């Protein structure tokens, strides 16, 4: 591949990761609505993961059944992306949101890029450059400002903090396990098998009464569909595609755009206030992303 083609491929990967971050950033729209209707965080985990599995299986059963063909020896990678990462991350994160303020949950989640940078340097000798470190510092500071870490009045519990750190760790592991899987399979196969594991395992969290509530509330069906399509299946397809062409550390830092989109969604959809610190945080996150171009 010549230099021009490489640059085009890299730009396309960055766009894919930014799109995934934007779609993950609007997850609060669906979650808040479902929780207000009576669903618990664990039930939303089931809707998200089992629904993602069902949709991806249906699509690729018709479109391309080759994605279902993997070697048994490689199932460990999808156990990692699906159960160790996606399922455990969502369980920790949604429960942390219930125990602590959304600001605390968000900033603890975004310890993930630092974890990915460190693990990638250890596992694959990815260089920890000055540019990458600067981008990491800018995005971490930006996330802290966007999430209101310095605004005071944050609701914190020890259990919530531990769950938030767990969410960041398990979230980071998608980029790690995903890299191993992408060495052998295309992004579509990795995404499908991730949700075959995450969706099946999520059934241990099933609460029949809450699922019955969802099934008997047609007005909630579009909300659940939005969660599955726009904040689960599409972003994981985009992120995994981008991860196949960009270093794991860079991909995780670029995905830090997510809390920026979440903050903007809060302002536009829920009428949450936008102050100077939030704007400064958005600027820092964007600057960190631009530095990695």
C-alpha atoms as a PDB file:
ATOM      1  CA  UNK A   1       0.000   0.000   0.000  1.00  0.00           C
ATOM      2  CA  UNK A   2       1.453   3.375  -1.026  1.00  0.00           C
ATOM      3  CA  UNK A   3       1.690   6.362   1.317  1.00  0.00           C
ATOM      4  CA  UNK A   4      -1.400   8.083  -0.074  1.00  0.00           C
ATOM      5  CA  UNK A   5      -3.517   4.950   0.296  1.00  0.00           C
ATOM      6  CA  UNK A   6      -2.225   4.467   3.855  1.00  0.00           C
ATOM      7  CA  UNK A   7      -3.180   8.024   4.782  1.00  0.00           C
ATOM      8  CA  UNK A   8      -6.662   7.564   3.306  1.00  0.00           C
ATOM      9  CA  UNK A   9      -7.100   4.278   5.195  1.00  0.00           C
ATOM     10  CA  UNK A  10      -5.942   5.912   8.428  1.00  0.00           C
ATOM     11  CA  UNK A  11      -8.347   8.839   7.988  1.00  0.00           C
ATOM     12  CA  UNK A  12     -11.179   6.399   7.351  1.00  0.00           C
ATOM     13  CA  UNK A  13     -10.283   4.532  10.547  1.00  0.00           C
ATOM     14  CA  UNK A  14     -10.294   7.782  12.546  1.00  0.00           C
ATOM     15  CA  UNK A  15     -13.709   8.666  11.154  1.00  0.00           C
ATOM     16  CA  UNK A  16     -15.023   5.213  12.090  1.00  0.00           C
ATOM     17  CA  UNK A  17     -13.784   5.580  15.677  1.00  0.00           C
ATOM     18  CA  UNK A  18     -15.201   9.106  15.976  1.00  0.00           C
ATOM     19  CA  UNK A  19     -18.572   7.851  14.718  1.00  0.00           C
ATOM     20  CA  UNK A  20     -18.527   5.053  17.280  1.00  0.00           C
ATOM     21  CA  UNK A  21     -17.757   7.547  20.054  1.00  0.00           C
ATOM     22  CA  UNK A  22     -20.605   9.804  18.935  1.00  0.00           C
ATOM     23  CA  UNK A  23     -23.083   6.924  18.933  1.00  0.00           C
ATOM     24  CA  UNK A  24     -21.922   5.679  22.325  1.00  0.00           C
ATOM     25  CA  UNK A  25     -22.264   9.243  23.570  1.00  0.00           C
ATOM     26  CA  UNK A  26     -26.038   9.262  23.064  1.00  0.00           C
ATOM     27  CA  UNK A  27     -26.583   6.092  25.103  1.00  0.00           C
ATOM     28  CA  UNK A  28     -27.898   8.183  27.988  1.00  0.00           C
ATOM     29  CA  UNK A  29     -30.936   9.150  25.913  1.00  0.00           C
ATOM     30  CA  UNK A  30     -32.088   5.539  25.731  1.00  0.00           C
ATOM     31  CA  UNK A  31     -30.941   4.537  29.216  1.00  0.00           C
ATOM     32  CA  UNK A  32     -32.657   7.407  31.023  1.00  0.00           C
ATOM     33  CA  UNK A  33     -35.936   6.693  29.279  1.00  0.00           C
ATOM     34  CA  UNK A  34     -35.813   2.963  30.043  1.00  0.00           C
ATOM     35  CA  UNK A  35     -34.835   3.515  33.679  1.00  0.00           C
ATOM     36  CA  UNK A  36     -37.624   6.071  34.112  1.00  0.00           C
ATOM     37  CA  UNK A  37     -40.052   3.416  32.842  1.00  0.00           C
ATOM     38  CA  UNK A  38     -38.942   0.967  35.533  1.00  0.00           C
ATOM     39  CA  UNK A  39     -36.084  -1.051  34.024  1.00  0.00           C
ATOM     40  CA  UNK A  40     -33.026  -1.676  36.208  1.00  0.00           C
ATOM     41  CA  UNK A  41     -29.445  -1.227  34.956  1.00  0.00           C
ATOM     42  CA  UNK A  42     -29.007  -5.007  34.689  1.00  0.00           C
ATOM     43  CA  UNK A  43     -32.139  -5.321  32.542  1.00  0.00           C
ATOM     44  CA  UNK A  44     -30.779  -2.642  30.227  1.00  0.00           C
ATOM     45  CA  UNK A  45     -27.558  -4.682  29.985  1.00  0.00           C
ATOM     46  CA  UNK A  46     -29.665  -7.637  28.806  1.00  0.00           C
ATOM     47  CA  UNK A  47     -31.597  -5.524  26.278  1.00  0.00           C
ATOM     48  CA  UNK A  48     -28.384  -4.036  24.919  1.00  0.00           C
ATOM     49  CA  UNK A  49     -26.314  -7.211  24.622  1.00  0.00           C
ATOM     50  CA  UNK A  50     -28.953  -9.813  23.781  1.00  0.00           C
ATOM     51  CA  UNK A  51     -30.637  -7.393  21.394  1.00  0.00           C
ATOM     52  CA  UNK A  52     -27.288  -6.689  19.732  1.00  0.00           C
ATOM     53  CA  UNK A  53     -26.655 -10.411  19.360  1.00  0.00           C
ATOM     54  CA  UNK A  54     -30.100 -11.048  17.853  1.00  0.00           C
ATOM     55  CA  UNK A  55     -29.782  -8.196  15.339  1.00  0.00           C
ATOM     56  CA  UNK A  56     -26.259  -9.084  14.223  1.00  0.00           C
ATOM     57  CA  UNK A  57     -27.117 -12.789  13.925  1.00  0.00           C
ATOM     58  CA  UNK A  58     -30.189 -12.021  11.807  1.00  0.00           C
ATOM     59  CA  UNK A  59     -28.297  -9.647   9.513  1.00  0.00           C
ATOM     60  CA  UNK A  60     -25.319 -11.896   8.863  1.00  0.00           C
ATOM     61  CA  UNK A  61     -27.379 -15.084   8.597  1.00  0.00           C
ATOM     62  CA  UNK A  62     -28.723 -13.477   5.429  1.00  0.00           C
ATOM     63  CA  UNK A  63     -25.814 -11.277   4.352  1.00  0.00           C
ATOM     64  CA  UNK A  64     -22.662 -13.323   4.968  1.00  0.00           C
ATOM     65  CA  UNK A  65     -22.648 -16.566   6.957  1.00  0.00           C
ATOM     66  CA  UNK A  66     -18.872 -16.789   6.734  1.00  0.00           C
ATOM     67  CA  UNK A  67     -18.618 -14.603   9.843  1.00  0.00           C
ATOM     68  CA  UNK A  68     -19.872 -17.540  11.924  1.00  0.00           C
ATOM     69  CA  UNK A  69     -16.884 -19.705  10.938  1.00  0.00           C
ATOM     70  CA  UNK A  70     -14.083 -19.412  13.459  1.00  0.00           C
ATOM     71  CA  UNK A  71     -11.596 -21.866  14.896  1.00  0.00           C
ATOM     72  CA  UNK A  72     -12.398 -23.327  18.291  1.00  0.00           C
ATOM     73  CA  UNK A  73      -8.948 -22.370  19.567  1.00  0.00           C
ATOM     74  CA  UNK A  74      -9.765 -18.693  18.918  1.00  0.00           C
ATOM     75  CA  UNK A  75     -13.011 -18.602  20.900  1.00  0.00           C
ATOM     76  CA  UNK A  76     -10.968 -17.362  23.875  1.00  0.00           C
ATOM     77  CA  UNK A  77     -10.569 -13.994  22.132  1.00  0.00           C
ATOM     78  CA  UNK A  78     -14.329 -13.577  21.783  1.00  0.00           C
ATOM     79  CA  UNK A  79     -14.853 -14.700  25.370  1.00  0.00           C
ATOM     80  CA  UNK A  80     -12.548 -11.794  26.150  1.00  0.00           C
ATOM     81  CA  UNK A  81     -14.254  -9.180  23.961  1.00  0.00           C
ATOM     82  CA  UNK A  82     -17.785 -10.371  24.718  1.00  0.00           C
ATOM     83  CA  UNK A  83     -17.890 -11.419  28.363  1.00  0.00           C
ATOM     84  CA  UNK A  84     -14.755 -10.027  30.014  1.00  0.00           C
ATOM     85  CA  UNK A  85     -15.092  -6.691  28.226  1.00  0.00           C
ATOM     86  CA  UNK A  86     -18.569  -5.834  26.907  1.00  0.00           C
ATOM     87  CA  UNK A  87     -20.713  -7.636  29.507  1.00  0.00           C
ATOM     88  CA  UNK A  88     -18.656  -6.835  32.613  1.00  0.00           C
ATOM     89  CA  UNK A  89     -18.058  -3.251  31.464  1.00  0.00           C
ATOM     90  CA  UNK A  90     -21.761  -2.522  31.051  1.00  0.00           C
ATOM     91  CA  UNK A  91     -22.639  -4.180  34.373  1.00  0.00           C
ATOM     92  CA  UNK A  92     -20.025  -2.113  36.237  1.00  0.00           C
ATOM     93  CA  UNK A  93     -20.762   1.137  34.415  1.00  0.00           C
ATOM     94  CA  UNK A  94     -24.549   1.115  34.654  1.00  0.00           C
ATOM     95  CA  UNK A  95     -24.406   0.152  38.353  1.00  0.00           C
ATOM     96  CA  UNK A  96     -21.814   2.862  39.015  1.00  0.00           C
ATOM     97  CA  UNK A  97     -24.194   5.385  37.441  1.00  0.00           C
ATOM     98  CA  UNK A  98     -26.825   4.290  39.945  1.00  0.00           C
ATOM     99  CA  UNK A  99     -24.517   4.577  42.989  1.00  0.00           C
ATOM    100  CA  UNK A 100     -22.584   7.726  42.023  1.00  0.00           C
ATOM    101  CA  UNK A 101     -23.231  10.835  39.997  1.00  0.00           C
ATOM    102  CA  UNK A 102     -23.036  10.527  36.207  1.00  0.00           C
ATOM    103  CA  UNK A 103     -19.985  12.806  36.334  1.00  0.00           C
ATOM    104  CA  UNK A 104     -18.067  10.417  38.596  1.00  0.00           C
ATOM    105  CA  UNK A 105     -19.087   7.375  36.512  1.00  0.00           C
ATOM    106  CA  UNK A 106     -17.997   9.050  33.269  1.00  0.00           C
ATOM    107  CA  UNK A 107     -14.582  10.216  34.434  1.00  0.00           C
ATOM    108  CA  UNK A 108     -13.794   6.837  36.024  1.00  0.00           C
ATOM    109  CA  UNK A 109     -14.755   5.134  32.761  1.00  0.00           C
ATOM    110  CA  UNK A 110     -12.285   7.306  30.895  1.00  0.00           C
ATOM    111  CA  UNK A 111      -9.339   5.915  32.764  1.00  0.00           C
ATOM    112  CA  UNK A 112      -9.632   3.373  29.923  1.00  0.00           C
ATOM    113  CA  UNK A 113      -7.391   5.154  27.368  1.00  0.00           C
ATOM    114  CA  UNK A 114      -4.516   5.300  29.866  1.00  0.00           C
ATOM    115  CA  UNK A 115      -4.967   1.577  30.586  1.00  0.00           C
ATOM    116  CA  UNK A 116      -4.957   0.769  26.869  1.00  0.00           C
ATOM    117  CA  UNK A 117      -1.817   2.835  26.222  1.00  0.00           C
ATOM    118  CA  UNK A 118       0.051   1.054  29.039  1.00  0.00           C
ATOM    119  CA  UNK A 119      -1.110  -2.454  28.081  1.00  0.00           C
ATOM    120  CA  UNK A 120      -0.427  -1.854  24.378  1.00  0.00           C
ATOM    121  CA  UNK A 121       3.113  -0.723  25.172  1.00  0.00           C
ATOM    122  CA  UNK A 122       3.679  -3.878  27.227  1.00  0.00           C
ATOM    123  CA  UNK A 123       1.995  -6.384  24.904  1.00  0.00           C
ATOM    124  CA  UNK A 124       2.843  -5.046  21.430  1.00  0.00           C
ATOM    125  CA  UNK A 125       5.582  -2.516  22.098  1.00  0.00           C
ATOM    126  CA  UNK A 126       3.405   0.279  20.738  1.00  0.00           C
ATOM    127  CA  UNK A 127       5.475   3.447  21.201  1.00  0.00           C
ATOM    128  CA  UNK A 128       4.442   5.800  24.005  1.00  0.00           C
ATOM    129  CA  UNK A 129       5.307   8.986  22.131  1.00  0.00           C
ATOM    130  CA  UNK A 130       5.248  12.542  23.464  1.00  0.00           C
ATOM    131  CA  UNK A 131       2.342  13.269  21.121  1.00  0.00           C
ATOM    132  CA  UNK A 132       0.357  10.317  22.441  1.00  0.00           C
ATOM    133  CA  UNK A 133       1.053  11.287  26.062  1.00  0.00           C
ATOM    134  CA  UNK A 134       0.026  14.891  25.394  1.00  0.00           C
ATOM    135  CA  UNK A 135      -3.176  13.722  23.684  1.00  0.00           C
ATOM    136  CA  UNK A 136      -3.885  11.401  26.627  1.00  0.00           C
ATOM    137  CA  UNK A 137      -3.403  14.200  29.178  1.00  0.00           C
ATOM    138  CA  UNK A 138      -5.553  16.623  27.173  1.00  0.00           C
ATOM    139  CA  UNK A 139      -8.417  14.133  26.764  1.00  0.00           C
ATOM    140  CA  UNK A 140      -8.319  13.060  30.435  1.00  0.00           C
ATOM    141  CA  UNK A 141      -8.384  16.703  31.558  1.00  0.00           C
ATOM    142  CA  UNK A 142     -11.114  17.451  29.040  1.00  0.00           C
ATOM    143  CA  UNK A 143     -13.240  14.512  30.191  1.00  0.00           C
ATOM    144  CA  UNK A 144     -12.850  15.662  33.805  1.00  0.00           C
ATOM    145  CA  UNK A 145     -14.090  19.154  32.892  1.00  0.00           C
ATOM    146  CA  UNK A 146     -16.941  17.894  30.693  1.00  0.00           C
ATOM    147  CA  UNK A 147     -18.104  15.514  33.431  1.00  0.00           C
ATOM    148  CA  UNK A 148     -18.083  18.303  36.032  1.00  0.00           C
ATOM    149  CA  UNK A 149     -15.352  16.818  38.203  1.00  0.00           C
ATOM    150  CA  UNK A 150     -14.271  20.286  39.354  1.00  0.00           C
ATOM    151  CA  UNK A 151     -17.777  21.656  39.753  1.00  0.00           C
ATOM    152  CA  UNK A 152     -18.391  20.282  43.244  1.00  0.00           C
ATOM    153  CA  UNK A 153     -21.423  18.453  44.607  1.00  0.00           C
ATOM    154  CA  UNK A 154     -20.413  15.062  43.248  1.00  0.00           C
ATOM    155  CA  UNK A 155     -22.074  11.969  44.711  1.00  0.00           C
ATOM    156  CA  UNK A 156     -19.389   9.366  45.484  1.00  0.00           C
ATOM    157  CA  UNK A 157     -19.345   5.999  47.262  1.00  0.00           C
ATOM    158  CA  UNK A 158     -16.422   3.602  47.657  1.00  0.00           C
ATOM    159  CA  UNK A 159     -18.365   0.796  45.956  1.00  0.00           C
ATOM    160  CA  UNK A 160     -19.294   3.145  43.119  1.00  0.00           C
ATOM    161  CA  UNK A 161     -15.671   4.233  42.629  1.00  0.00           C
ATOM    162  CA  UNK A 162     -14.491   0.610  42.514  1.00  0.00           C
ATOM    163  CA  UNK A 163     -17.216  -0.231  39.996  1.00  0.00           C
ATOM    164  CA  UNK A 164     -16.283   2.825  37.916  1.00  0.00           C
ATOM    165  CA  UNK A 165     -12.620   1.815  37.840  1.00  0.00           C
ATOM    166  CA  UNK A 166     -13.729  -1.712  36.936  1.00  0.00           C
ATOM    167  CA  UNK A 167     -15.793  -0.277  34.078  1.00  0.00           C
ATOM    168  CA  UNK A 168     -12.740   1.595  32.781  1.00  0.00           C
ATOM    169  CA  UNK A 169     -10.594  -1.532  33.009  1.00  0.00           C
ATOM    170  CA  UNK A 170     -13.075  -3.845  31.277  1.00  0.00           C
ATOM    171  CA  UNK A 171     -13.846  -1.172  28.661  1.00  0.00           C
ATOM    172  CA  UNK A 172     -10.122  -0.943  27.904  1.00  0.00           C
ATOM    173  CA  UNK A 173      -9.864  -4.696  27.430  1.00  0.00           C
ATOM    174  CA  UNK A 174     -12.030  -4.573  24.292  1.00  0.00           C
ATOM    175  CA  UNK A 175      -9.158  -2.848  22.503  1.00  0.00           C
ATOM    176  CA  UNK A 176      -6.737  -5.476  23.829  1.00  0.00           C
ATOM    177  CA  UNK A 177      -8.698  -8.670  23.138  1.00  0.00           C
ATOM    178  CA  UNK A 178     -10.011  -7.104  19.943  1.00  0.00           C
ATOM    179  CA  UNK A 179      -6.471  -6.598  18.635  1.00  0.00           C
ATOM    180  CA  UNK A 180      -5.698 -10.297  19.057  1.00  0.00           C
ATOM    181  CA  UNK A 181      -8.934 -11.282  17.331  1.00  0.00           C
ATOM    182  CA  UNK A 182      -8.354  -8.826  14.469  1.00  0.00           C
ATOM    183  CA  UNK A 183      -5.008 -10.467  13.732  1.00  0.00           C
ATOM    184  CA  UNK A 184      -7.030 -13.461  12.507  1.00  0.00           C
ATOM    185  CA  UNK A 185     -10.509 -12.238  11.555  1.00  0.00           C
ATOM    186  CA  UNK A 186     -12.191  -9.286   9.875  1.00  0.00           C
ATOM    187  CA  UNK A 187     -14.006  -6.619  11.952  1.00  0.00           C
ATOM    188  CA  UNK A 188     -17.469  -7.980  11.153  1.00  0.00           C
ATOM    189  CA  UNK A 189     -16.591 -11.465  12.414  1.00  0.00           C
ATOM    190  CA  UNK A 190     -15.082 -10.034  15.596  1.00  0.00           C
ATOM    191  CA  UNK A 191     -18.178  -7.922  16.298  1.00  0.00           C
ATOM    192  CA  UNK A 192     -20.634 -10.763  15.648  1.00  0.00           C
ATOM    193  CA  UNK A 193     -18.789 -13.225  17.878  1.00  0.00           C
ATOM    194  CA  UNK A 194     -18.335 -10.595  20.588  1.00  0.00           C
ATOM    195  CA  UNK A 195     -22.102 -10.302  20.866  1.00  0.00           C
ATOM    196  CA  UNK A 196     -22.728 -14.032  20.532  1.00  0.00           C
ATOM    197  CA  UNK A 197     -20.815 -14.325  23.798  1.00  0.00           C
ATOM    198  CA  UNK A 198     -22.047 -11.106  25.454  1.00  0.00           C
ATOM    199  CA  UNK A 199     -25.678 -11.657  24.483  1.00  0.00           C
ATOM    200  CA  UNK A 200     -25.826 -15.257  25.638  1.00  0.00           C
ATOM    201  CA  UNK A 201     -24.026 -14.569  28.918  1.00  0.00           C
ATOM    202  CA  UNK A 202     -26.245 -11.561  29.669  1.00  0.00           C
ATOM    203  CA  UNK A 203     -29.219 -13.907  30.123  1.00  0.00           C
ATOM    204  CA  UNK A 204     -27.960 -14.751  33.621  1.00  0.00           C
ATOM    205  CA  UNK A 205     -29.062 -11.206  34.534  1.00  0.00           C
ATOM    206  CA  UNK A 206     -32.565 -11.666  33.132  1.00  0.00           C
ATOM    207  CA  UNK A 207     -35.434 -10.302  35.227  1.00  0.00           C
ATOM    208  CA  UNK A 208     -38.630 -11.695  33.683  1.00  0.00           C
ATOM    209  CA  UNK A 209     -40.935  -9.115  35.294  1.00  0.00           C
ATOM    210  CA  UNK A 210     -38.968  -6.208  33.831  1.00  0.00           C
ATOM    211  CA  UNK A 211     -38.775  -7.847  30.413  1.00  0.00           C
ATOM    212  CA  UNK A 212     -42.559  -8.339  30.582  1.00  0.00           C
ATOM    213  CA  UNK A 213     -42.898  -4.621  31.360  1.00  0.00           C
ATOM    214  CA  UNK A 214     -40.881  -3.800  28.257  1.00  0.00           C
ATOM    215  CA  UNK A 215     -42.783  -6.292  26.101  1.00  0.00           C
ATOM    216  CA  UNK A 216     -46.129  -4.829  27.204  1.00  0.00           C
ATOM    217  CA  UNK A 217     -45.091  -1.190  26.632  1.00  0.00           C
ATOM    218  CA  UNK A 218     -45.076  -0.533  22.858  1.00  0.00           C
ATOM    219  CA  UNK A 219     -43.960   3.064  23.420  1.00  0.00           C
ATOM    220  CA  UNK A 220     -40.677   1.713  24.816  1.00  0.00           C
ATOM    221  CA  UNK A 221     -39.931  -0.487  21.807  1.00  0.00           C
ATOM    222  CA  UNK A 222     -38.427   2.342  19.694  1.00  0.00           C
ATOM    223  CA  UNK A 223     -36.276   3.321  22.673  1.00  0.00           C
ATOM    224  CA  UNK A 224     -34.967  -0.228  23.112  1.00  0.00           C
ATOM    225  CA  UNK A 225     -34.418  -0.439  19.342  1.00  0.00           C
ATOM    226  CA  UNK A 226     -32.472   2.831  19.433  1.00  0.00           C
ATOM    227  CA  UNK A 227     -30.257   1.478  22.215  1.00  0.00           C
ATOM    228  CA  UNK A 228     -29.552  -1.724  20.291  1.00  0.00           C
ATOM    229  CA  UNK A 229     -29.080  -0.253  16.809  1.00  0.00           C
ATOM    230  CA  UNK A 230     -27.555   3.170  17.364  1.00  0.00           C
ATOM    231  CA  UNK A 231     -25.652   2.785  20.654  1.00  0.00           C
ATOM    232  CA  UNK A 232     -24.639  -0.877  20.457  1.00  0.00           C
ATOM    233  CA  UNK A 233     -24.416  -2.574  17.068  1.00  0.00           C
ATOM    234  CA  UNK A 234     -23.349   0.354  14.870  1.00  0.00           C
ATOM    235  CA  UNK A 235     -20.708   1.815  17.214  1.00  0.00           C
ATOM    236  CA  UNK A 236     -19.111  -1.577  17.851  1.00  0.00           C
ATOM    237  CA  UNK A 237     -18.977  -2.228  14.109  1.00  0.00           C
ATOM    238  CA  UNK A 238     -17.409   1.202  13.530  1.00  0.00           C
ATOM    239  CA  UNK A 239     -14.952   0.945  16.432  1.00  0.00           C
ATOM    240  CA  UNK A 240     -13.801  -2.566  15.559  1.00  0.00           C
ATOM    241  CA  UNK A 241     -13.297  -1.492  11.947  1.00  0.00           C
ATOM    242  CA  UNK A 242     -11.224   1.471  13.085  1.00  0.00           C
ATOM    243  CA  UNK A 243      -9.273  -0.653  15.576  1.00  0.00           C
ATOM    244  CA  UNK A 244      -8.176  -2.931  12.725  1.00  0.00           C
ATOM    245  CA  UNK A 245      -6.247  -0.007  11.174  1.00  0.00           C
ATOM    246  CA  UNK A 246      -5.147   2.139  14.129  1.00  0.00           C
ATOM    247  CA  UNK A 247      -2.992   1.443  17.187  1.00  0.00           C
ATOM    248  CA  UNK A 248      -5.073   0.369  20.196  1.00  0.00           C
ATOM    249  CA  UNK A 249      -3.821   3.271  22.295  1.00  0.00           C
ATOM    250  CA  UNK A 250      -4.690   5.858  19.657  1.00  0.00           C
ATOM    251  CA  UNK A 251      -8.114   4.319  19.054  1.00  0.00           C
ATOM    252  CA  UNK A 252      -8.987   4.474  22.745  1.00  0.00           C
ATOM    253  CA  UNK A 253      -7.879   8.102  23.046  1.00  0.00           C
ATOM    254  CA  UNK A 254      -9.862   9.140  19.950  1.00  0.00           C
ATOM    255  CA  UNK A 255     -12.966   7.468  21.435  1.00  0.00           C
ATOM    256  CA  UNK A 256     -12.718   9.981  24.310  1.00  0.00           C
ATOM    257  CA  UNK A 257     -15.023  12.107  22.177  1.00  0.00           C
ATOM    258  CA  UNK A 258     -17.863  10.075  23.745  1.00  0.00           C
ATOM    259  CA  UNK A 259     -18.362  12.216  26.913  1.00  0.00           C
ATOM    260  CA  UNK A 260     -18.316  15.355  24.767  1.00  0.00           C
ATOM    261  CA  UNK A 261     -21.234  14.024  22.743  1.00  0.00           C
ATOM    262  CA  UNK A 262     -22.925  12.905  25.970  1.00  0.00           C
ATOM    263  CA  UNK A 263     -22.596  16.423  27.380  1.00  0.00           C
ATOM    264  CA  UNK A 264     -24.005  17.981  24.212  1.00  0.00           C
ATOM    265  CA  UNK A 265     -26.876  15.471  24.201  1.00  0.00           C
ATOM    266  CA  UNK A 266     -27.635  16.445  27.786  1.00  0.00           C
ATOM    267  CA  UNK A 267     -27.798  20.112  26.816  1.00  0.00           C
ATOM    268  CA  UNK A 268     -29.845  19.636  23.649  1.00  0.00           C
ATOM    269  CA  UNK A 269     -32.183  16.829  24.757  1.00  0.00           C
ATOM    270  CA  UNK A 270     -32.523  17.256  28.519  1.00  0.00           C
ATOM    271  CA  UNK A 271     -31.848  20.980  28.879  1.00  0.00           C
ATOM    272  CA  UNK A 272     -28.795  20.484  31.088  1.00  0.00           C
ATOM    273  CA  UNK A 273     -26.667  23.622  31.643  1.00  0.00           C
ATOM    274  CA  UNK A 274     -23.544  24.315  29.603  1.00  0.00           C
ATOM    275  CA  UNK A 275     -20.896  26.327  31.429  1.00  0.00           C
ATOM    276  CA  UNK A 276     -17.416  27.618  30.669  1.00  0.00           C
ATOM    277  CA  UNK A 277     -15.720  24.575  32.224  1.00  0.00           C
ATOM    278  CA  UNK A 278     -17.736  22.224  30.007  1.00  0.00           C
ATOM    279  CA  UNK A 279     -16.798  24.232  26.909  1.00  0.00           C
ATOM    280  CA  UNK A 280     -13.143  24.201  27.965  1.00  0.00           C
ATOM    281  CA  UNK A 281     -13.323  20.435  28.447  1.00  0.00           C
ATOM    282  CA  UNK A 282     -14.813  19.935  24.992  1.00  0.00           C
ATOM    283  CA  UNK A 283     -12.009  22.043  23.511  1.00  0.00           C
ATOM    284  CA  UNK A 284      -9.349  19.964  25.313  1.00  0.00           C
ATOM    285  CA  UNK A 285     -10.819  16.649  24.143  1.00  0.00           C
ATOM    286  CA  UNK A 286     -11.028  17.875  20.556  1.00  0.00           C
ATOM    287  CA  UNK A 287      -7.460  19.157  20.764  1.00  0.00           C
ATOM    288  CA  UNK A 288      -6.289  15.757  21.997  1.00  0.00           C
ATOM    289  CA  UNK A 289      -8.026  14.018  19.105  1.00  0.00           C
ATOM    290  CA  UNK A 290      -6.590  16.456  16.535  1.00  0.00           C
ATOM    291  CA  UNK A 291      -3.035  15.949  17.872  1.00  0.00           C
ATOM    292  CA  UNK A 292      -3.263  12.243  16.989  1.00  0.00           C
ATOM    293  CA  UNK A 293      -4.020  12.839  13.301  1.00  0.00           C
END
